[in-house]
């Protein structure tokens, strides 16, 4: 009877040791998976922060480009207005020149017969 109890105790101890080793391996695997997940989460957060900073800098660059575009557009509008004014002045000068040429021709006709 003592041998049976001793044998049963040995089998029970071996099974307990086997289960302890197996659960230890599972716990180690779970810890490794947890560490991997933590590492991935940390790297994802860092990438997200970097992306946020890049988005902020791109937005600032876009605003600078838009302000440059608007100032260039305003300068272009001023130049167009100046060109239009110069064109009107040139047209007016051309009309005055035509009028003066007619007057000169008329005066020459009047003074030629004398």
PDB file of N, CA and C in Angstrom:
ATOM      1  N   UNK A   1       0.810  -1.166   0.000  1.00  0.00           N
ATOM      2  CA  UNK A   1       0.000   0.000   0.000  1.00  0.00           C
ATOM      3  C   UNK A   1       0.871   1.255   0.000  1.00  0.00           C
ATOM      4  N   UNK A   2       1.934   1.157   0.700  1.00  0.00           N
ATOM      5  CA  UNK A   2       2.863   2.267   0.753  1.00  0.00           C
ATOM      6  C   UNK A   2       3.464   2.530  -0.617  1.00  0.00           C
ATOM      7  N   UNK A   3       3.712   1.499  -1.368  1.00  0.00           N
ATOM      8  CA  UNK A   3       4.296   1.621  -2.688  1.00  0.00           C
ATOM      9  C   UNK A   3       3.280   2.291  -3.626  1.00  0.00           C
ATOM     10  N   UNK A   4       2.028   1.961  -3.489  1.00  0.00           N
ATOM     11  CA  UNK A   4       0.990   2.542  -4.344  1.00  0.00           C
ATOM     12  C   UNK A   4       0.852   4.029  -4.035  1.00  0.00           C
ATOM     13  N   UNK A   5       0.852   4.368  -2.770  1.00  0.00           N
ATOM     14  CA  UNK A   5       0.735   5.776  -2.381  1.00  0.00           C
ATOM     15  C   UNK A   5       1.972   6.532  -2.840  1.00  0.00           C
ATOM     16  N   UNK A   6       3.149   5.927  -2.676  1.00  0.00           N
ATOM     17  CA  UNK A   6       4.380   6.570  -3.106  1.00  0.00           C
ATOM     18  C   UNK A   6       4.361   6.740  -4.631  1.00  0.00           C
ATOM     19  N   UNK A   7       3.957   5.719  -5.349  1.00  0.00           N
ATOM     20  CA  UNK A   7       3.875   5.784  -6.809  1.00  0.00           C
ATOM     21  C   UNK A   7       2.875   6.857  -7.245  1.00  0.00           C
ATOM     22  N   UNK A   8       1.711   6.846  -6.558  1.00  0.00           N
ATOM     23  CA  UNK A   8       0.704   7.855  -6.870  1.00  0.00           C
ATOM     24  C   UNK A   8       1.226   9.259  -6.584  1.00  0.00           C
ATOM     25  N   UNK A   9       1.967   9.434  -5.488  1.00  0.00           N
ATOM     26  CA  UNK A   9       2.542  10.734  -5.135  1.00  0.00           C
ATOM     27  C   UNK A   9       3.572  11.161  -6.174  1.00  0.00           C
ATOM     28  N   UNK A  10       4.392  10.208  -6.637  1.00  0.00           N
ATOM     29  CA  UNK A  10       5.422  10.524  -7.635  1.00  0.00           C
ATOM     30  C   UNK A  10       4.755  10.947  -8.953  1.00  0.00           C
ATOM     31  N   UNK A  11       3.722  10.194  -9.364  1.00  0.00           N
ATOM     32  CA  UNK A  11       3.010  10.538 -10.593  1.00  0.00           C
ATOM     33  C   UNK A  11       2.364  11.910 -10.447  1.00  0.00           C
ATOM     34  N   UNK A  12       1.769  12.142  -9.279  1.00  0.00           N
ATOM     35  CA  UNK A  12       1.138  13.429  -9.012  1.00  0.00           C
ATOM     36  C   UNK A  12       2.161  14.555  -9.044  1.00  0.00           C
ATOM     37  N   UNK A  13       3.355  14.327  -8.472  1.00  0.00           N
ATOM     38  CA  UNK A  13       4.423  15.331  -8.475  1.00  0.00           C
ATOM     39  C   UNK A  13       4.912  15.580  -9.905  1.00  0.00           C
ATOM     40  N   UNK A  14       5.071  14.516 -10.695  1.00  0.00           N
ATOM     41  CA  UNK A  14       5.541  14.661 -12.075  1.00  0.00           C
ATOM     42  C   UNK A  14       4.499  15.435 -12.889  1.00  0.00           C
ATOM     43  N   UNK A  15       3.214  15.067 -12.718  1.00  0.00           N
ATOM     44  CA  UNK A  15       2.160  15.797 -13.420  1.00  0.00           C
ATOM     45  C   UNK A  15       2.132  17.264 -12.994  1.00  0.00           C
ATOM     46  N   UNK A  16       2.316  17.513 -11.718  1.00  0.00           N
ATOM     47  CA  UNK A  16       2.329  18.890 -11.219  1.00  0.00           C
ATOM     48  C   UNK A  16       3.496  19.664 -11.811  1.00  0.00           C
ATOM     49  N   UNK A  17       4.659  19.021 -11.848  1.00  0.00           N
ATOM     50  CA  UNK A  17       5.834  19.686 -12.441  1.00  0.00           C
ATOM     51  C   UNK A  17       5.605  19.934 -13.931  1.00  0.00           C
ATOM     52  N   UNK A  18       5.017  18.978 -14.642  1.00  0.00           N
ATOM     53  CA  UNK A  18       4.733  19.147 -16.067  1.00  0.00           C
ATOM     54  C   UNK A  18       3.753  20.291 -16.302  1.00  0.00           C
ATOM     55  N   UNK A  19       2.700  20.326 -15.487  1.00  0.00           N
ATOM     56  CA  UNK A  19       1.737  21.414 -15.607  1.00  0.00           C
ATOM     57  C   UNK A  19       2.371  22.754 -15.267  1.00  0.00           C
ATOM     58  N   UNK A  20       3.249  22.768 -14.248  1.00  0.00           N
ATOM     59  CA  UNK A  20       3.916  24.019 -13.872  1.00  0.00           C
ATOM     60  C   UNK A  20       4.803  24.513 -15.006  1.00  0.00           C
ATOM     61  N   UNK A  21       5.527  23.606 -15.664  1.00  0.00           N
ATOM     62  CA  UNK A  21       6.389  23.985 -16.783  1.00  0.00           C
ATOM     63  C   UNK A  21       5.541  24.506 -17.939  1.00  0.00           C
ATOM     64  N   UNK A  22       4.428  23.787 -18.218  1.00  0.00           N
ATOM     65  CA  UNK A  22       3.563  24.204 -19.316  1.00  0.00           C
ATOM     66  C   UNK A  22       2.951  25.579 -19.050  1.00  0.00           C
ATOM     67  N   UNK A  23       2.434  25.800 -17.872  1.00  0.00           N
ATOM     68  CA  UNK A  23       1.855  27.102 -17.535  1.00  0.00           C
ATOM     69  C   UNK A  23       2.910  28.204 -17.525  1.00  0.00           C
ATOM     70  N   UNK A  24       4.131  27.837 -17.135  1.00  0.00           N
ATOM     71  CA  UNK A  24       5.228  28.808 -17.165  1.00  0.00           C
ATOM     72  C   UNK A  24       5.523  29.206 -18.609  1.00  0.00           C
ATOM     73  N   UNK A  25       5.526  28.219 -19.521  1.00  0.00           N
ATOM     74  CA  UNK A  25       5.762  28.519 -20.927  1.00  0.00           C
ATOM     75  C   UNK A  25       4.643  29.394 -21.492  1.00  0.00           C
ATOM     76  N   UNK A  26       3.411  29.075 -21.130  1.00  0.00           N
ATOM     77  CA  UNK A  26       2.286  29.879 -21.592  1.00  0.00           C
ATOM     78  C   UNK A  26       2.360  31.302 -21.029  1.00  0.00           C
ATOM     79  N   UNK A  27       2.757  31.426 -19.783  1.00  0.00           N
ATOM     80  CA  UNK A  27       2.892  32.750 -19.171  1.00  0.00           C
ATOM     81  C   UNK A  27       4.007  33.533 -19.852  1.00  0.00           C
ATOM     82  N   UNK A  28       5.119  32.854 -20.144  1.00  0.00           N
ATOM     83  CA  UNK A  28       6.229  33.509 -20.834  1.00  0.00           C
ATOM     84  C   UNK A  28       5.794  33.968 -22.226  1.00  0.00           C
ATOM     85  N   UNK A  29       5.054  33.116 -22.931  1.00  0.00           N
ATOM     86  CA  UNK A  29       4.542  33.475 -24.252  1.00  0.00           C
ATOM     87  C   UNK A  29       3.588  34.664 -24.151  1.00  0.00           C
ATOM     88  N   UNK A  30       2.740  34.656 -23.151  1.00  0.00           N
ATOM     89  CA  UNK A  30       1.788  35.764 -22.966  1.00  0.00           C
ATOM     90  C   UNK A  30       2.525  37.065 -22.657  1.00  0.00           C
ATOM     91  N   UNK A  31       3.582  36.989 -21.852  1.00  0.00           N
ATOM     92  CA  UNK A  31       4.367  38.189 -21.534  1.00  0.00           C
ATOM     93  C   UNK A  31       5.062  38.705 -22.784  1.00  0.00           C
ATOM     94  N   UNK A  32       5.599  37.789 -23.604  1.00  0.00           N
ATOM     95  CA  UNK A  32       6.243  38.204 -24.849  1.00  0.00           C
ATOM     96  C   UNK A  32       5.240  38.880 -25.788  1.00  0.00           C
ATOM     97  N   UNK A  33       4.064  38.299 -25.900  1.00  0.00           N
ATOM     98  CA  UNK A  33       3.025  38.899 -26.740  1.00  0.00           C
ATOM     99  C   UNK A  33       2.623  40.272 -26.207  1.00  0.00           C
ATOM    100  N   UNK A  34       2.508  40.396 -24.909  1.00  0.00           N
ATOM    101  CA  UNK A  34       2.168  41.672 -24.298  1.00  0.00           C
ATOM    102  C   UNK A  34       3.252  42.703 -24.579  1.00  0.00           C
ATOM    103  N   UNK A  35       4.512  42.305 -24.469  1.00  0.00           N
ATOM    104  CA  UNK A  35       5.614  43.226 -24.766  1.00  0.00           C
ATOM    105  C   UNK A  35       5.612  43.649 -26.232  1.00  0.00           C
ATOM    106  N   UNK A  36       5.315  42.696 -27.121  1.00  0.00           N
ATOM    107  CA  UNK A  36       5.234  43.035 -28.547  1.00  0.00           C
ATOM    108  C   UNK A  36       4.117  44.048 -28.785  1.00  0.00           C
ATOM    109  N   UNK A  37       2.974  43.798 -28.159  1.00  0.00           N
ATOM    110  CA  UNK A  37       1.849  44.701 -28.328  1.00  0.00           C
ATOM    111  C   UNK A  37       2.173  46.085 -27.774  1.00  0.00           C
ATOM    112  N   UNK A  38       2.817  46.139 -26.630  1.00  0.00           N
ATOM    113  CA  UNK A  38       3.227  47.426 -26.057  1.00  0.00           C
ATOM    114  C   UNK A  38       4.186  48.156 -26.985  1.00  0.00           C
ATOM    115  N   UNK A  39       5.166  47.417 -27.530  1.00  0.00           N
ATOM    116  CA  UNK A  39       6.133  48.024 -28.442  1.00  0.00           C
ATOM    117  C   UNK A  39       5.422  48.576 -29.675  1.00  0.00           C
ATOM    118  N   UNK A  40       4.497  47.785 -30.237  1.00  0.00           N
ATOM    119  CA  UNK A  40       3.756  48.244 -31.410  1.00  0.00           C
ATOM    120  C   UNK A  40       2.908  49.468 -31.081  1.00  0.00           C
ATOM    121  N   UNK A  41       2.306  49.488 -29.912  1.00  0.00           N
ATOM    122  CA  UNK A  41       1.492  50.629 -29.514  1.00  0.00           C
ATOM    123  C   UNK A  41       2.355  51.875 -29.351  1.00  0.00           C
ATOM    124  N   UNK A  42       3.510  51.718 -28.722  1.00  0.00           N
ATOM    125  CA  UNK A  42       4.416  52.860 -28.521  1.00  0.00           C
ATOM    126  C   UNK A  42       4.907  53.399 -29.860  1.00  0.00           C
ATOM    127  N   UNK A  43       5.320  52.490 -30.758  1.00  0.00           N
ATOM    128  CA  UNK A  43       5.799  52.950 -32.068  1.00  0.00           C
ATOM    129  C   UNK A  43       4.661  53.581 -32.869  1.00  0.00           C
ATOM    130  N   UNK A  44       3.454  53.033 -32.739  1.00  0.00           N
ATOM    131  CA  UNK A  44       2.305  53.617 -33.435  1.00  0.00           C
ATOM    132  C   UNK A  44       2.018  55.018 -32.910  1.00  0.00           C
ATOM    133  N   UNK A  45       2.078  55.198 -31.599  1.00  0.00           N
ATOM    134  CA  UNK A  45       1.843  56.520 -31.018  1.00  0.00           C
ATOM    135  C   UNK A  45       2.919  57.512 -31.465  1.00  0.00           C
ATOM    136  N   UNK A  46       4.171  57.055 -31.507  1.00  0.00           N
ATOM    137  CA  UNK A  46       5.251  57.933 -31.968  1.00  0.00           C
ATOM    138  C   UNK A  46       5.030  58.323 -33.431  1.00  0.00           C
ATOM    139  N   UNK A  47       4.658  57.349 -34.259  1.00  0.00           N
ATOM    140  CA  UNK A  47       4.389  57.645 -35.669  1.00  0.00           C
ATOM    141  C   UNK A  47       3.210  58.600 -35.808  1.00  0.00           C
ATOM    142  N   UNK A  48       2.197  58.413 -34.969  1.00  0.00           N
ATOM    143  CA  UNK A  48       1.037  59.297 -34.998  1.00  0.00           C
ATOM    144  C   UNK A  48       1.430  60.717 -34.600  1.00  0.00           C
ATOM    145  N   UNK A  49       2.269  60.844 -33.586  1.00  0.00           N
ATOM    146  CA  UNK A  49       2.733  62.174 -33.178  1.00  0.00           C
ATOM    147  C   UNK A  49       3.558  62.811 -34.290  1.00  0.00           C
ATOM    148  N   UNK A  50       4.449  62.030 -34.903  1.00  0.00           N
ATOM    149  CA  UNK A  50       5.255  62.554 -36.003  1.00  0.00           C
ATOM    150  C   UNK A  50       4.370  62.998 -37.161  1.00  0.00           C
ATOM    151  N   UNK A  51       3.370  62.187 -37.451  1.00  0.00           N
ATOM    152  CA  UNK A  51       2.445  62.536 -38.530  1.00  0.00           C
ATOM    153  C   UNK A  51       1.682  63.809 -38.184  1.00  0.00           C
ATOM    154  N   UNK A  52       1.289  63.942 -36.924  1.00  0.00           N
ATOM    155  CA  UNK A  52       0.602  65.157 -36.495  1.00  0.00           C
ATOM    156  C   UNK A  52       1.472  66.384 -36.658  1.00  0.00           C
ATOM    157  N   UNK A  53       2.747  66.254 -36.309  1.00  0.00           N
ATOM    158  CA  UNK A  53       3.672  67.383 -36.482  1.00  0.00           C
ATOM    159  C   UNK A  53       3.856  67.709 -37.957  1.00  0.00           C
ATOM    160  N   UNK A  54       3.967  66.676 -38.786  1.00  0.00           N
ATOM    161  CA  UNK A  54       4.122  66.905 -40.225  1.00  0.00           C
ATOM    162  C   UNK A  54       2.877  67.576 -40.801  1.00  0.00           C
ATOM    163  N   UNK A  55       1.712  67.148 -40.338  1.00  0.00           N
ATOM    164  CA  UNK A  55       0.472  67.767 -40.810  1.00  0.00           C
ATOM    165  C   UNK A  55       0.438  69.231 -40.406  1.00  0.00           C
ATOM    166  N   UNK A  56       0.848  69.512 -39.166  1.00  0.00           N
ATOM    167  CA  UNK A  56       0.887  70.907 -38.712  1.00  0.00           C
ATOM    168  C   UNK A  56       1.837  71.748 -39.543  1.00  0.00           C
ATOM    169  N   UNK A  57       3.021  71.214 -39.834  1.00  0.00           N
ATOM    170  CA  UNK A  57       3.978  71.982 -40.630  1.00  0.00           C
ATOM    171  C   UNK A  57       3.476  72.152 -42.064  1.00  0.00           C
ATOM    172  N   UNK A  58       2.818  71.123 -42.607  1.00  0.00           N
ATOM    173  CA  UNK A  58       2.268  71.244 -43.959  1.00  0.00           C
ATOM    174  C   UNK A  58       1.134  72.262 -44.005  1.00  0.00           C
ATOM    175  N   UNK A  59       0.316  72.305 -42.945  1.00  0.00           N
ATOM    176  CA  UNK A  59      -0.745  73.317 -42.891  1.00  0.00           C
ATOM    177  C   UNK A  59      -0.153  74.713 -42.845  1.00  0.00           C
ATOM    178  N   UNK A  60       0.903  74.888 -42.037  1.00  0.00           N
ATOM    179  CA  UNK A  60       1.552  76.199 -41.961  1.00  0.00           C
ATOM    180  C   UNK A  60       2.158  76.572 -43.310  1.00  0.00           C
ATOM    181  N   UNK A  61       2.774  75.611 -43.967  1.00  0.00           N
ATOM    182  CA  UNK A  61       3.362  75.865 -45.286  1.00  0.00           C
ATOM    183  C   UNK A  61       2.274  76.211 -46.305  1.00  0.00           C
ATOM    184  N   UNK A  62       1.146  75.527 -46.208  1.00  0.00           N
ATOM    185  CA  UNK A  62       0.027  75.824 -47.101  1.00  0.00           C
ATOM    186  C   UNK A  62      -0.494  77.238 -46.861  1.00  0.00           C
ATOM    187  N   UNK A  63      -0.590  77.646 -45.608  1.00  0.00           N
ATOM    188  CA  UNK A  63      -1.043  79.004 -45.306  1.00  0.00           C
ATOM    189  C   UNK A  63      -0.065  80.036 -45.849  1.00  0.00           C
ATOM    190  N   UNK A  64       1.242  79.763 -45.708  1.00  0.00           N
ATOM    191  CA  UNK A  64       2.240  80.683 -46.262  1.00  0.00           C
ATOM    192  C   UNK A  64       2.113  80.758 -47.781  1.00  0.00           C
ATOM    193  N   UNK A  65       1.921  79.620 -48.415  1.00  0.00           N
ATOM    194  CA  UNK A  65       1.778  79.606 -49.873  1.00  0.00           C
ATOM    195  C   UNK A  65       0.514  80.355 -50.298  1.00  0.00           C
ATOM    196  N   UNK A  66      -0.565  80.172 -49.537  1.00  0.00           N
ATOM    197  CA  UNK A  66      -1.800  80.878 -49.871  1.00  0.00           C
ATOM    198  C   UNK A  66      -1.634  82.383 -49.702  1.00  0.00           C
ATOM    199  N   UNK A  67      -0.941  82.797 -48.648  1.00  0.00           N
ATOM    200  CA  UNK A  67      -0.737  84.239 -48.464  1.00  0.00           C
ATOM    201  C   UNK A  67       0.161  84.798 -49.571  1.00  0.00           C
ATOM    202  N   UNK A  68       1.174  84.037 -49.995  1.00  0.00           N
ATOM    203  CA  UNK A  68       2.010  84.471 -51.109  1.00  0.00           C
ATOM    204  C   UNK A  68       1.185  84.569 -52.383  1.00  0.00           C
ATOM    205  N   UNK A  69       0.312  83.585 -52.594  1.00  0.00           N
ATOM    206  CA  UNK A  69      -0.547  83.596 -53.781  1.00  0.00           C
ATOM    207  C   UNK A  69      -1.459  84.819 -53.759  1.00  0.00           C
ATOM    208  N   UNK A  70      -2.052  85.084 -52.599  1.00  0.00           N
ATOM    209  CA  UNK A  70      -2.957  86.233 -52.496  1.00  0.00           C
ATOM    210  C   UNK A  70      -2.219  87.540 -52.729  1.00  0.00           C
ATOM    211  N   UNK A  71      -1.011  87.673 -52.174  1.00  0.00           N
ATOM    212  CA  UNK A  71      -0.256  88.912 -52.391  1.00  0.00           C
ATOM    213  C   UNK A  71       0.157  89.036 -53.861  1.00  0.00           C
ATOM    214  N   UNK A  72       0.517  87.915 -54.492  1.00  0.00           N
ATOM    215  CA  UNK A  72       0.861  87.952 -55.915  1.00  0.00           C
ATOM    216  C   UNK A  72      -0.365  88.311 -56.755  1.00  0.00           C
ATOM    217  N   UNK A  73      -1.520  87.782 -56.349  1.00  0.00           N
ATOM    218  CA  UNK A  73      -2.749  88.099 -57.069  1.00  0.00           C
ATOM    219  C   UNK A  73      -3.106  89.580 -56.911  1.00  0.00           C
ATOM    220  N   UNK A  74      -2.901  90.126 -55.722  1.00  0.00           N
ATOM    221  CA  UNK A  74      -3.156  91.550 -55.508  1.00  0.00           C
ATOM    222  C   UNK A  74      -2.204  92.405 -56.344  1.00  0.00           C
ATOM    223  N   UNK A  75      -0.935  92.000 -56.387  1.00  0.00           N
ATOM    224  CA  UNK A  75       0.045  92.735 -57.198  1.00  0.00           C
ATOM    225  C   UNK A  75      -0.344  92.659 -58.679  1.00  0.00           C
ATOM    226  N   UNK A  76      -0.789  91.501 -59.112  1.00  0.00           N
ATOM    227  CA  UNK A  76      -1.225  91.345 -60.501  1.00  0.00           C
ATOM    228  C   UNK A  76      -2.426  92.239 -60.797  1.00  0.00           C
ATOM    229  N   UNK A  77      -3.367  92.294 -59.865  1.00  0.00           N
ATOM    230  CA  UNK A  77      -4.536  93.163 -60.055  1.00  0.00           C
ATOM    231  C   UNK A  77      -4.130  94.631 -60.118  1.00  0.00           C
ATOM    232  N   UNK A  78      -3.156  95.018 -59.277  1.00  0.00           N
ATOM    233  CA  UNK A  78      -2.665  96.407 -59.333  1.00  0.00           C
ATOM    234  C   UNK A  78      -2.004  96.686 -60.674  1.00  0.00           C
ATOM    235  N   UNK A  79      -1.210  95.745 -61.156  1.00  0.00           N
ATOM    236  CA  UNK A  79      -0.535  95.922 -62.445  1.00  0.00           C
ATOM    237  C   UNK A  79      -1.558  95.993 -63.569  1.00  0.00           C
ATOM    238  N   UNK A  80      -2.608  95.156 -63.492  1.00  0.00           N
ATOM    239  CA  UNK A  80      -3.659  95.205 -64.512  1.00  0.00           C
ATOM    240  C   UNK A  80      -4.354  96.557 -64.489  1.00  0.00           C
ATOM    241  N   UNK A  81      -4.619  97.077 -63.295  1.00  0.00           N
ATOM    242  CA  UNK A  81      -5.271  98.384 -63.180  1.00  0.00           C
ATOM    243  C   UNK A  81      -4.372  99.474 -63.762  1.00  0.00           C
ATOM    244  N   UNK A  82      -3.075  99.404 -63.468  1.00  0.00           N
ATOM    245  CA  UNK A  82      -2.132 100.391 -64.017  1.00  0.00           C
ATOM    246  C   UNK A  82      -2.086 100.277 -65.532  1.00  0.00           C
ATOM    247  N   UNK A  83      -2.042  99.055 -66.040  1.00  0.00           N
ATOM    248  CA  UNK A  83      -2.021  98.855 -67.497  1.00  0.00           C
ATOM    249  C   UNK A  83      -3.287  99.387 -68.148  1.00  0.00           C
ATOM    250  N   UNK A  84      -4.432  99.147 -67.511  1.00  0.00           N
ATOM    251  CA  UNK A  84      -5.695  99.656 -68.047  1.00  0.00           C
ATOM    252  C   UNK A  84      -5.698 101.178 -68.064  1.00  0.00           C
ATOM    253  N   UNK A  85      -5.194 101.782 -66.985  1.00  0.00           N
ATOM    254  CA  UNK A  85      -5.109 103.245 -66.929  1.00  0.00           C
ATOM    255  C   UNK A  85      -4.179 103.774 -68.013  1.00  0.00           C
ATOM    256  N   UNK A  86      -3.031 103.119 -68.185  1.00  0.00           N
ATOM    257  CA  UNK A  86      -2.097 103.539 -69.237  1.00  0.00           C
ATOM    258  C   UNK A  86      -2.713 103.383 -70.621  1.00  0.00           C
ATOM    259  N   UNK A  87      -3.479 102.304 -70.817  1.00  0.00           N
ATOM    260  CA  UNK A  87      -4.128 102.100 -72.107  1.00  0.00           C
ATOM    261  C   UNK A  87      -5.142 103.208 -72.376  1.00  0.00           C
ATOM    262  N   UNK A  88      -5.914 103.553 -71.337  1.00  0.00           N
ATOM    263  CA  UNK A  88      -6.883 104.639 -71.508  1.00  0.00           C
ATOM    264  C   UNK A  88      -6.173 105.951 -71.822  1.00  0.00           C
ATOM    265  N   UNK A  89      -5.071 106.218 -71.132  1.00  0.00           N
ATOM    266  CA  UNK A  89      -4.304 107.447 -71.400  1.00  0.00           C
ATOM    267  C   UNK A  89      -3.755 107.442 -72.822  1.00  0.00           C
ATOM    268  N   UNK A  90      -3.250 106.274 -73.260  1.00  0.00           N
ATOM    269  CA  UNK A  90      -2.710 106.155 -74.612  1.00  0.00           C
ATOM    270  C   UNK A  90      -3.809 106.362 -75.651  1.00  0.00           C
ATOM    271  N   UNK A  91      -4.967 105.773 -75.409  1.00  0.00           N
ATOM    272  CA  UNK A  91      -6.092 105.978 -76.328  1.00  0.00           C
ATOM    273  C   UNK A  91      -6.483 107.454 -76.378  1.00  0.00           C
ATOM    274  N   UNK A  92      -6.524 108.079 -75.213  1.00  0.00           N
ATOM    275  CA  UNK A  92      -6.876 109.495 -75.153  1.00  0.00           C
ATOM    276  C   UNK A  92      -5.817 110.335 -75.867  1.00  0.00           C
ATOM    277  N   UNK A  93      -4.532 110.001 -75.679  1.00  0.00           N
ATOM    278  CA  UNK A  93      -3.456 110.719 -76.359  1.00  0.00           C
ATOM    279  C   UNK A  93      -3.547 110.517 -77.871  1.00  0.00           C
ATOM    280  N   UNK A  94      -3.907 109.297 -78.284  1.00  0.00           N
ATOM    281  CA  UNK A  94      -4.053 109.029 -79.721  1.00  0.00           C
ATOM    282  C   UNK A  94      -5.205 109.851 -80.293  1.00  0.00           C
ATOM    283  N   UNK A  95      -6.303 109.949 -79.548  1.00  0.00           N
ATOM    284  CA  UNK A  95      -7.429 110.773 -80.001  1.00  0.00           C
ATOM    285  C   UNK A  95      -7.020 112.241 -80.106  1.00  0.00           C
ATOM    286  N   UNK A  96      -6.295 112.708 -79.104  1.00  0.00           N
ATOM    287  CA  UNK A  96      -5.828 114.100 -79.130  1.00  0.00           C
ATOM    288  C   UNK A  96      -4.896 114.313 -80.315  1.00  0.00           C
ATOM    289  N   UNK A  97      -4.019 113.336 -80.596  1.00  0.00           N
ATOM    290  CA  UNK A  97      -3.093 113.457 -81.718  1.00  0.00           C
ATOM    291  C   UNK A  97      -3.858 113.498 -83.035  1.00  0.00           C
ATOM    292  N   UNK A  98      -4.864 112.653 -83.182  1.00  0.00           N
ATOM    293  CA  UNK A  98      -5.674 112.661 -84.402  1.00  0.00           C
ATOM    294  C   UNK A  98      -6.367 114.010 -84.538  1.00  0.00           C
ATOM    295  N   UNK A  99      -6.893 114.514 -83.428  1.00  0.00           N
ATOM    296  CA  UNK A  99      -7.563 115.815 -83.444  1.00  0.00           C
ATOM    297  C   UNK A  99      -6.586 116.921 -83.821  1.00  0.00           C
ATOM    298  N   UNK A 100      -5.381 116.855 -83.244  1.00  0.00           N
ATOM    299  CA  UNK A 100      -4.366 117.866 -83.570  1.00  0.00           C
ATOM    300  C   UNK A 100      -3.926 117.758 -85.026  1.00  0.00           C
ATOM    301  N   UNK A 101      -3.789 116.530 -85.532  1.00  0.00           N
ATOM    302  CA  UNK A 101      -3.411 116.347 -86.934  1.00  0.00           C
ATOM    303  C   UNK A 101      -4.477 116.939 -87.864  1.00  0.00           C
ATOM    304  N   UNK A 102      -5.745 116.753 -87.506  1.00  0.00           N
ATOM    305  CA  UNK A 102      -6.838 117.332 -88.312  1.00  0.00           C
ATOM    306  C   UNK A 102      -6.770 118.851 -88.269  1.00  0.00           C
ATOM    307  N   UNK A 103      -6.524 119.406 -87.100  1.00  0.00           N
ATOM    308  CA  UNK A 103      -6.441 120.864 -86.971  1.00  0.00           C
ATOM    309  C   UNK A 103      -5.258 121.415 -87.758  1.00  0.00           C
ATOM    310  N   UNK A 104      -4.123 120.694 -87.683  1.00  0.00           N
ATOM    311  CA  UNK A 104      -2.939 121.132 -88.432  1.00  0.00           C
ATOM    312  C   UNK A 104      -3.230 121.094 -89.933  1.00  0.00           C
ATOM    313  N   UNK A 105      -3.851 120.005 -90.365  1.00  0.00           N
ATOM    314  CA  UNK A 105      -4.182 119.916 -91.792  1.00  0.00           C
ATOM    315  C   UNK A 105      -5.147 121.015 -92.202  1.00  0.00           C
ATOM    316  N   UNK A 106      -6.113 121.297 -91.335  1.00  0.00           N
ATOM    317  CA  UNK A 106      -7.073 122.346 -91.625  1.00  0.00           C
ATOM    318  C   UNK A 106      -6.377 123.715 -91.667  1.00  0.00           C
ATOM    319  N   UNK A 107      -5.490 123.950 -90.744  1.00  0.00           N
ATOM    320  CA  UNK A 107      -4.743 125.214 -90.728  1.00  0.00           C
ATOM    321  C   UNK A 107      -3.833 125.331 -91.946  1.00  0.00           C
ATOM    322  N   UNK A 108      -3.265 124.234 -92.348  1.00  0.00           N
ATOM    323  CA  UNK A 108      -2.403 124.283 -93.542  1.00  0.00           C
ATOM    324  C   UNK A 108      -3.229 124.558 -94.786  1.00  0.00           C
ATOM    325  N   UNK A 109      -4.410 124.021 -94.861  1.00  0.00           N
ATOM    326  CA  UNK A 109      -5.299 124.289 -95.994  1.00  0.00           C
ATOM    327  C   UNK A 109      -5.706 125.762 -96.012  1.00  0.00           C
ATOM    328  N   UNK A 110      -5.933 126.294 -94.818  1.00  0.00           N
ATOM    329  CA  UNK A 110      -6.341 127.692 -94.740  1.00  0.00           C
ATOM    330  C   UNK A 110      -5.187 128.634 -95.087  1.00  0.00           C
ATOM    331  N   UNK A 111      -3.981 128.257 -94.710  1.00  0.00           N
ATOM    332  CA  UNK A 111      -2.844 129.133 -94.956  1.00  0.00           C
ATOM    333  C   UNK A 111      -2.196 128.893 -96.315  1.00  0.00           C
ATOM    334  N   UNK A 112      -2.443 127.837 -96.999  1.00  0.00           N
ATOM    335  CA  UNK A 112      -1.812 127.517 -98.276  1.00  0.00           C
ATOM    336  C   UNK A 112      -2.265 128.448 -99.395  1.00  0.00           C
ATOM    337  N   UNK A 113      -3.498 128.791 -99.578  1.00  0.00           N
ATOM    338  CA  UNK A 113      -3.899 129.624-100.687  1.00  0.00           C
ATOM    339  C   UNK A 113      -3.345 131.045-100.583  1.00  0.00           C
ATOM    340  N   UNK A 114      -2.968 131.500 -99.489  1.00  0.00           N
ATOM    341  CA  UNK A 114      -2.530 132.887 -99.355  1.00  0.00           C
ATOM    342  C   UNK A 114      -1.174 133.043 -99.871  1.00  0.00           C
TER     343      UNK A 114
END
